[in-house]
Amino acid sequence: MHASIGDHVVVEGTRPGSVRREGEIVALHHKDGTPPYDVTWSDSGHTTVCVPGPDAHIQHAGSGAAGSKSAGAR
């Protein structure tokens, strides 16, 4: 998984009752764009360190559609 500042990480709910969560990547910890990322979450406005799991994917800025899945990075 690779991302850039301004991309969005989307975490899909995998259990009944869990919700989809989305946030904007505001900082990278590695120059090559691999996790972890600092993410500002749209539902709370809080910024946290995020290490996306298998239920997450990246929406690349300007793509307008879901980006690559975690297994098939850019």
PDB file of N, CA and C in Angstrom:
ATOM      1  N   MET A   1       0.852  -1.167   0.000  1.00  0.00           N
ATOM      2  CA  MET A   1       0.000   0.000   0.000  1.00  0.00           C
ATOM      3  C   MET A   1       0.889   1.218   0.000  1.00  0.00           C
ATOM      4  N   HIS A   2       0.598   2.143  -0.921  1.00  0.00           N
ATOM      5  CA  HIS A   2       1.327   3.404  -1.013  1.00  0.00           C
ATOM      6  C   HIS A   2       0.326   4.553  -1.088  1.00  0.00           C
ATOM      7  N   ALA A   3       0.674   5.658  -0.436  1.00  0.00           N
ATOM      8  CA  ALA A   3      -0.216   6.820  -0.434  1.00  0.00           C
ATOM      9  C   ALA A   3       0.617   8.094  -0.439  1.00  0.00           C
ATOM     10  N   SER A   4      -0.059   9.188  -0.707  1.00  0.00           N
ATOM     11  CA  SER A   4       0.538  10.517  -0.680  1.00  0.00           C
ATOM     12  C   SER A   4      -0.304  11.407   0.225  1.00  0.00           C
ATOM     13  N   ILE A   5       0.281  12.500   0.661  1.00  0.00           N
ATOM     14  CA  ILE A   5      -0.482  13.464   1.454  1.00  0.00           C
ATOM     15  C   ILE A   5      -1.643  13.952   0.593  1.00  0.00           C
ATOM     16  N   GLY A   6      -2.829  13.989   1.181  1.00  0.00           N
ATOM     17  CA  GLY A   6      -4.045  14.399   0.474  1.00  0.00           C
ATOM     18  C   GLY A   6      -4.902  13.228   0.032  1.00  0.00           C
ATOM     19  N   ASP A   7      -4.311  12.015  -0.039  1.00  0.00           N
ATOM     20  CA  ASP A   7      -5.110  10.821  -0.325  1.00  0.00           C
ATOM     21  C   ASP A   7      -5.999  10.525   0.879  1.00  0.00           C
ATOM     22  N   HIS A   8      -6.985   9.681   0.667  1.00  0.00           N
ATOM     23  CA  HIS A   8      -7.862   9.271   1.758  1.00  0.00           C
ATOM     24  C   HIS A   8      -7.694   7.785   2.013  1.00  0.00           C
ATOM     25  N   VAL A   9      -7.724   7.426   3.280  1.00  0.00           N
ATOM     26  CA  VAL A   9      -7.754   6.018   3.647  1.00  0.00           C
ATOM     27  C   VAL A   9      -9.199   5.704   4.019  1.00  0.00           C
ATOM     28  N   VAL A  10      -9.708   4.591   3.510  1.00  0.00           N
ATOM     29  CA  VAL A  10     -11.071   4.164   3.782  1.00  0.00           C
ATOM     30  C   VAL A  10     -11.005   2.804   4.462  1.00  0.00           C
ATOM     31  N   VAL A  11     -11.607   2.710   5.637  1.00  0.00           N
ATOM     32  CA  VAL A  11     -11.656   1.459   6.378  1.00  0.00           C
ATOM     33  C   VAL A  11     -13.089   0.970   6.337  1.00  0.00           C
ATOM     34  N   GLU A  12     -13.290  -0.164   5.694  1.00  0.00           N
ATOM     35  CA  GLU A  12     -14.627  -0.746   5.571  1.00  0.00           C
ATOM     36  C   GLU A  12     -14.967  -1.507   6.847  1.00  0.00           C
ATOM     37  N   GLY A  13     -16.200  -1.405   7.290  1.00  0.00           N
ATOM     38  CA  GLY A  13     -16.646  -2.180   8.437  1.00  0.00           C
ATOM     39  C   GLY A  13     -16.778  -3.645   8.037  1.00  0.00           C
ATOM     40  N   THR A  14     -16.184  -4.532   8.792  1.00  0.00           N
ATOM     41  CA  THR A  14     -16.223  -5.955   8.439  1.00  0.00           C
ATOM     42  C   THR A  14     -17.180  -6.762   9.309  1.00  0.00           C
ATOM     43  N   ARG A  15     -17.674  -6.170  10.361  1.00  0.00           N
ATOM     44  CA  ARG A  15     -18.606  -6.863  11.249  1.00  0.00           C
ATOM     45  C   ARG A  15     -19.970  -6.205  11.174  1.00  0.00           C
ATOM     46  N   PRO A  16     -21.006  -6.971  11.407  1.00  0.00           N
ATOM     47  CA  PRO A  16     -22.346  -6.366  11.418  1.00  0.00           C
ATOM     48  C   PRO A  16     -22.391  -5.212  12.422  1.00  0.00           C
ATOM     49  N   GLY A  17     -22.934  -4.093  11.967  1.00  0.00           N
ATOM     50  CA  GLY A  17     -23.067  -2.929  12.835  1.00  0.00           C
ATOM     51  C   GLY A  17     -21.867  -1.994  12.800  1.00  0.00           C
ATOM     52  N   SER A  18     -20.753  -2.441  12.224  1.00  0.00           N
ATOM     53  CA  SER A  18     -19.602  -1.542  12.142  1.00  0.00           C
ATOM     54  C   SER A  18     -19.757  -0.636  10.919  1.00  0.00           C
ATOM     55  N   VAL A  19     -19.217   0.551  11.021  1.00  0.00           N
ATOM     56  CA  VAL A  19     -19.406   1.544   9.971  1.00  0.00           C
ATOM     57  C   VAL A  19     -18.119   1.766   9.183  1.00  0.00           C
ATOM     58  N   ARG A  20     -18.286   2.263   7.976  1.00  0.00           N
ATOM     59  CA  ARG A  20     -17.169   2.648   7.119  1.00  0.00           C
ATOM     60  C   ARG A  20     -16.562   3.921   7.693  1.00  0.00           C
ATOM     61  N   ARG A  21     -15.249   4.015   7.699  1.00  0.00           N
ATOM     62  CA  ARG A  21     -14.573   5.184   8.242  1.00  0.00           C
ATOM     63  C   ARG A  21     -13.616   5.728   7.199  1.00  0.00           C
ATOM     64  N   GLU A  22     -13.559   7.043   7.058  1.00  0.00           N
ATOM     65  CA  GLU A  22     -12.701   7.661   6.064  1.00  0.00           C
ATOM     66  C   GLU A  22     -11.950   8.821   6.681  1.00  0.00           C
ATOM     67  N   GLY A  23     -10.709   8.995   6.242  1.00  0.00           N
ATOM     68  CA  GLY A  23      -9.913  10.105   6.723  1.00  0.00           C
ATOM     69  C   GLY A  23      -8.881  10.525   5.704  1.00  0.00           C
ATOM     70  N   GLU A  24      -8.421  11.762   5.831  1.00  0.00           N
ATOM     71  CA  GLU A  24      -7.417  12.314   4.920  1.00  0.00           C
ATOM     72  C   GLU A  24      -6.025  12.098   5.487  1.00  0.00           C
ATOM     73  N   ILE A  25      -5.126  11.636   4.638  1.00  0.00           N
ATOM     74  CA  ILE A  25      -3.737  11.449   5.037  1.00  0.00           C
ATOM     75  C   ILE A  25      -3.075  12.823   5.049  1.00  0.00           C
ATOM     76  N   VAL A  26      -2.587  13.218   6.239  1.00  0.00           N
ATOM     77  CA  VAL A  26      -2.004  14.552   6.401  1.00  0.00           C
ATOM     78  C   VAL A  26      -0.496  14.513   6.596  1.00  0.00           C
ATOM     79  N   ALA A  27       0.075  13.331   6.834  1.00  0.00           N
ATOM     80  CA  ALA A  27       1.524  13.205   6.976  1.00  0.00           C
ATOM     81  C   ALA A  27       1.938  11.759   6.731  1.00  0.00           C
ATOM     82  N   LEU A  28       3.132  11.618   6.184  1.00  0.00           N
ATOM     83  CA  LEU A  28       3.711  10.300   5.933  1.00  0.00           C
ATOM     84  C   LEU A  28       4.858  10.075   6.903  1.00  0.00           C
ATOM     85  N   HIS A  29       5.062   8.829   7.287  1.00  0.00           N
ATOM     86  CA  HIS A  29       6.187   8.494   8.153  1.00  0.00           C
ATOM     87  C   HIS A  29       7.368   7.968   7.339  1.00  0.00           C
ATOM     88  N   HIS A  30       7.102   7.561   6.087  1.00  0.00           N
ATOM     89  CA  HIS A  30       8.146   7.030   5.212  1.00  0.00           C
ATOM     90  C   HIS A  30       8.086   7.733   3.863  1.00  0.00           C
ATOM     91  N   LYS A  31       9.232   8.062   3.294  1.00  0.00           N
ATOM     92  CA  LYS A  31       9.297   8.779   2.020  1.00  0.00           C
ATOM     93  C   LYS A  31       8.652   8.007   0.874  1.00  0.00           C
ATOM     94  N   ASP A  32       8.633   6.665   0.961  1.00  0.00           N
ATOM     95  CA  ASP A  32       8.078   5.862  -0.134  1.00  0.00           C
ATOM     96  C   ASP A  32       6.558   5.726  -0.076  1.00  0.00           C
ATOM     97  N   GLY A  33       5.907   6.351   0.907  1.00  0.00           N
ATOM     98  CA  GLY A  33       4.453   6.343   0.984  1.00  0.00           C
ATOM     99  C   GLY A  33       3.840   5.109   1.619  1.00  0.00           C
ATOM    100  N   THR A  34       4.652   4.299   2.263  1.00  0.00           N
ATOM    101  CA  THR A  34       4.121   3.121   2.950  1.00  0.00           C
ATOM    102  C   THR A  34       3.675   3.501   4.362  1.00  0.00           C
ATOM    103  N   PRO A  35       2.763   2.698   4.954  1.00  0.00           N
ATOM    104  CA  PRO A  35       2.270   2.999   6.310  1.00  0.00           C
ATOM    105  C   PRO A  35       3.413   2.981   7.321  1.00  0.00           C
ATOM    106  N   PRO A  36       3.167   3.628   8.469  1.00  0.00           N
ATOM    107  CA  PRO A  36       1.938   4.263   8.932  1.00  0.00           C
ATOM    108  C   PRO A  36       1.760   5.666   8.361  1.00  0.00           C
ATOM    109  N   TYR A  37       0.523   6.159   8.518  1.00  0.00           N
ATOM    110  CA  TYR A  37       0.142   7.487   8.060  1.00  0.00           C
ATOM    111  C   TYR A  37      -0.480   8.264   9.217  1.00  0.00           C
ATOM    112  N   ASP A  38      -0.338   9.578   9.205  1.00  0.00           N
ATOM    113  CA  ASP A  38      -1.123  10.419  10.108  1.00  0.00           C
ATOM    114  C   ASP A  38      -2.403  10.755   9.352  1.00  0.00           C
ATOM    115  N   VAL A  39      -3.538  10.430   9.944  1.00  0.00           N
ATOM    116  CA  VAL A  39      -4.835  10.567   9.287  1.00  0.00           C
ATOM    117  C   VAL A  39      -5.754  11.433  10.133  1.00  0.00           C
ATOM    118  N   THR A  40      -6.390  12.422   9.494  1.00  0.00           N
ATOM    119  CA  THR A  40      -7.441  13.197  10.146  1.00  0.00           C
ATOM    120  C   THR A  40      -8.761  12.583   9.720  1.00  0.00           C
ATOM    121  N   TRP A  41      -9.487  12.024  10.691  1.00  0.00           N
ATOM    122  CA  TRP A  41     -10.723  11.282  10.423  1.00  0.00           C
ATOM    123  C   TRP A  41     -11.895  12.230  10.222  1.00  0.00           C
ATOM    124  N   SER A  42     -12.691  11.972   9.191  1.00  0.00           N
ATOM    125  CA  SER A  42     -13.807  12.851   8.844  1.00  0.00           C
ATOM    126  C   SER A  42     -14.925  12.806   9.881  1.00  0.00           C
ATOM    127  N   ASP A  43     -15.072  11.684  10.589  1.00  0.00           N
ATOM    128  CA  ASP A  43     -16.179  11.565  11.549  1.00  0.00           C
ATOM    129  C   ASP A  43     -15.904  12.260  12.879  1.00  0.00           C
ATOM    130  N   SER A  44     -14.635  12.426  13.246  1.00  0.00           N
ATOM    131  CA  SER A  44     -14.321  13.014  14.547  1.00  0.00           C
ATOM    132  C   SER A  44     -13.449  14.265  14.465  1.00  0.00           C
ATOM    133  N   GLY A  45     -12.739  14.441  13.347  1.00  0.00           N
ATOM    134  CA  GLY A  45     -11.818  15.558  13.228  1.00  0.00           C
ATOM    135  C   GLY A  45     -10.492  15.326  13.928  1.00  0.00           C
ATOM    136  N   HIS A  46     -10.346  14.172  14.598  1.00  0.00           N
ATOM    137  CA  HIS A  46      -9.104  13.856  15.295  1.00  0.00           C
ATOM    138  C   HIS A  46      -8.074  13.319  14.314  1.00  0.00           C
ATOM    139  N   THR A  47      -6.814  13.601  14.613  1.00  0.00           N
ATOM    140  CA  THR A  47      -5.706  13.072  13.824  1.00  0.00           C
ATOM    141  C   THR A  47      -5.015  11.993  14.634  1.00  0.00           C
ATOM    142  N   THR A  48      -4.850  10.817  14.015  1.00  0.00           N
ATOM    143  CA  THR A  48      -4.211   9.690  14.677  1.00  0.00           C
ATOM    144  C   THR A  48      -3.219   9.039  13.723  1.00  0.00           C
ATOM    145  N   VAL A  49      -2.352   8.200  14.274  1.00  0.00           N
ATOM    146  CA  VAL A  49      -1.477   7.375  13.468  1.00  0.00           C
ATOM    147  C   VAL A  49      -2.295   6.165  13.033  1.00  0.00           C
ATOM    148  N   CYS A  50      -2.240   5.862  11.741  1.00  0.00           N
ATOM    149  CA  CYS A  50      -3.031   4.763  11.191  1.00  0.00           C
ATOM    150  C   CYS A  50      -2.116   3.782  10.463  1.00  0.00           C
ATOM    151  N   VAL A  51      -2.232   2.516  10.822  1.00  0.00           N
ATOM    152  CA  VAL A  51      -1.581   1.432  10.098  1.00  0.00           C
ATOM    153  C   VAL A  51      -2.730   0.626   9.495  1.00  0.00           C
ATOM    154  N   PRO A  52      -3.052   0.883   8.215  1.00  0.00           N
ATOM    155  CA  PRO A  52      -4.219   0.243   7.609  1.00  0.00           C
ATOM    156  C   PRO A  52      -4.093  -1.278   7.565  1.00  0.00           C
ATOM    157  N   GLY A  53      -5.202  -1.938   7.854  1.00  0.00           N
ATOM    158  CA  GLY A  53      -5.256  -3.385   7.805  1.00  0.00           C
ATOM    159  C   GLY A  53      -5.854  -3.860   6.489  1.00  0.00           C
ATOM    160  N   PRO A  54      -6.191  -5.145   6.419  1.00  0.00           N
ATOM    161  CA  PRO A  54      -6.709  -5.725   5.183  1.00  0.00           C
ATOM    162  C   PRO A  54      -8.096  -5.221   4.794  1.00  0.00           C
ATOM    163  N   ASP A  55      -8.786  -4.559   5.724  1.00  0.00           N
ATOM    164  CA  ASP A  55     -10.119  -4.019   5.441  1.00  0.00           C
ATOM    165  C   ASP A  55     -10.059  -2.572   4.962  1.00  0.00           C
ATOM    166  N   ALA A  56      -8.853  -2.084   4.642  1.00  0.00           N
ATOM    167  CA  ALA A  56      -8.674  -0.682   4.243  1.00  0.00           C
ATOM    168  C   ALA A  56      -8.174  -0.580   2.803  1.00  0.00           C
ATOM    169  N   HIS A  57      -8.479   0.553   2.186  1.00  0.00           N
ATOM    170  CA  HIS A  57      -7.922   0.871   0.871  1.00  0.00           C
ATOM    171  C   HIS A  57      -7.705   2.372   0.776  1.00  0.00           C
ATOM    172  N   ILE A  58      -6.934   2.762  -0.230  1.00  0.00           N
ATOM    173  CA  ILE A  58      -6.579   4.164  -0.432  1.00  0.00           C
ATOM    174  C   ILE A  58      -7.385   4.724  -1.591  1.00  0.00           C
ATOM    175  N   GLN A  59      -7.960   5.909  -1.395  1.00  0.00           N
ATOM    176  CA  GLN A  59      -8.553   6.680  -2.485  1.00  0.00           C
ATOM    177  C   GLN A  59      -7.529   7.759  -2.802  1.00  0.00           C
ATOM    178  N   HIS A  60      -6.926   7.662  -3.968  1.00  0.00           N
ATOM    179  CA  HIS A  60      -5.896   8.622  -4.332  1.00  0.00           C
ATOM    180  C   HIS A  60      -6.536   9.957  -4.684  1.00  0.00           C
ATOM    181  N   ALA A  61      -5.937  11.039  -4.222  1.00  0.00           N
ATOM    182  CA  ALA A  61      -6.454  12.384  -4.468  1.00  0.00           C
ATOM    183  C   ALA A  61      -6.650  12.601  -5.961  1.00  0.00           C
ATOM    184  N   GLY A  62      -7.820  13.098  -6.331  1.00  0.00           N
ATOM    185  CA  GLY A  62      -8.110  13.379  -7.727  1.00  0.00           C
ATOM    186  C   GLY A  62      -8.624  12.199  -8.515  1.00  0.00           C
ATOM    187  N   SER A  63      -8.647  10.997  -7.903  1.00  0.00           N
ATOM    188  CA  SER A  63      -9.113   9.823  -8.650  1.00  0.00           C
ATOM    189  C   SER A  63     -10.627   9.783  -8.750  1.00  0.00           C
ATOM    190  N   GLY A  64     -11.322  10.324  -7.745  1.00  0.00           N
ATOM    191  CA  GLY A  64     -12.776  10.351  -7.770  1.00  0.00           C
ATOM    192  C   GLY A  64     -13.424   9.001  -7.544  1.00  0.00           C
ATOM    193  N   ALA A  65     -12.650   7.953  -7.481  1.00  0.00           N
ATOM    194  CA  ALA A  65     -13.172   6.605  -7.246  1.00  0.00           C
ATOM    195  C   ALA A  65     -12.247   5.906  -6.278  1.00  0.00           C
ATOM    196  N   ALA A  66     -12.707   4.773  -5.779  1.00  0.00           N
ATOM    197  CA  ALA A  66     -11.898   4.006  -4.847  1.00  0.00           C
ATOM    198  C   ALA A  66     -10.558   3.676  -5.484  1.00  0.00           C
ATOM    199  N   GLY A  67      -9.494   3.897  -4.726  1.00  0.00           N
ATOM    200  CA  GLY A  67      -8.151   3.602  -5.225  1.00  0.00           C
ATOM    201  C   GLY A  67      -7.846   2.127  -5.141  1.00  0.00           C
ATOM    202  N   SER A  68      -6.591   1.813  -5.118  1.00  0.00           N
ATOM    203  CA  SER A  68      -6.197   0.413  -5.116  1.00  0.00           C
ATOM    204  C   SER A  68      -6.472  -0.210  -3.759  1.00  0.00           C
ATOM    205  N   LYS A  69      -6.776  -1.471  -3.780  1.00  0.00           N
ATOM    206  CA  LYS A  69      -6.975  -2.212  -2.543  1.00  0.00           C
ATOM    207  C   LYS A  69      -5.629  -2.392  -1.876  1.00  0.00           C
ATOM    208  N   SER A  70      -5.644  -2.738  -0.583  1.00  0.00           N
ATOM    209  CA  SER A  70      -4.406  -2.821   0.157  1.00  0.00           C
ATOM    210  C   SER A  70      -3.424  -3.826  -0.423  1.00  0.00           C
ATOM    211  N   ALA A  71      -3.892  -4.895  -1.029  1.00  0.00           N
ATOM    212  CA  ALA A  71      -2.990  -5.912  -1.556  1.00  0.00           C
ATOM    213  C   ALA A  71      -2.367  -5.480  -2.869  1.00  0.00           C
ATOM    214  N   GLY A  72      -2.991  -4.575  -3.590  1.00  0.00           N
ATOM    215  CA  GLY A  72      -2.494  -4.195  -4.912  1.00  0.00           C
ATOM    216  C   GLY A  72      -2.098  -2.742  -4.976  1.00  0.00           C
ATOM    217  N   ALA A  73      -1.132  -2.357  -4.203  1.00  0.00           N
ATOM    218  CA  ALA A  73      -0.735  -0.952  -4.159  1.00  0.00           C
ATOM    219  C   ALA A  73      -0.352  -0.444  -5.542  1.00  0.00           C
ATOM    220  N   ARG A  74      -0.356   0.884  -5.653  1.00  0.00           N
ATOM    221  CA  ARG A  74      -0.015   1.583  -6.900  1.00  0.00           C
ATOM    222  C   ARG A  74       1.075   0.923  -7.693  1.00  0.00           C
TER     223      ARG A  74
END
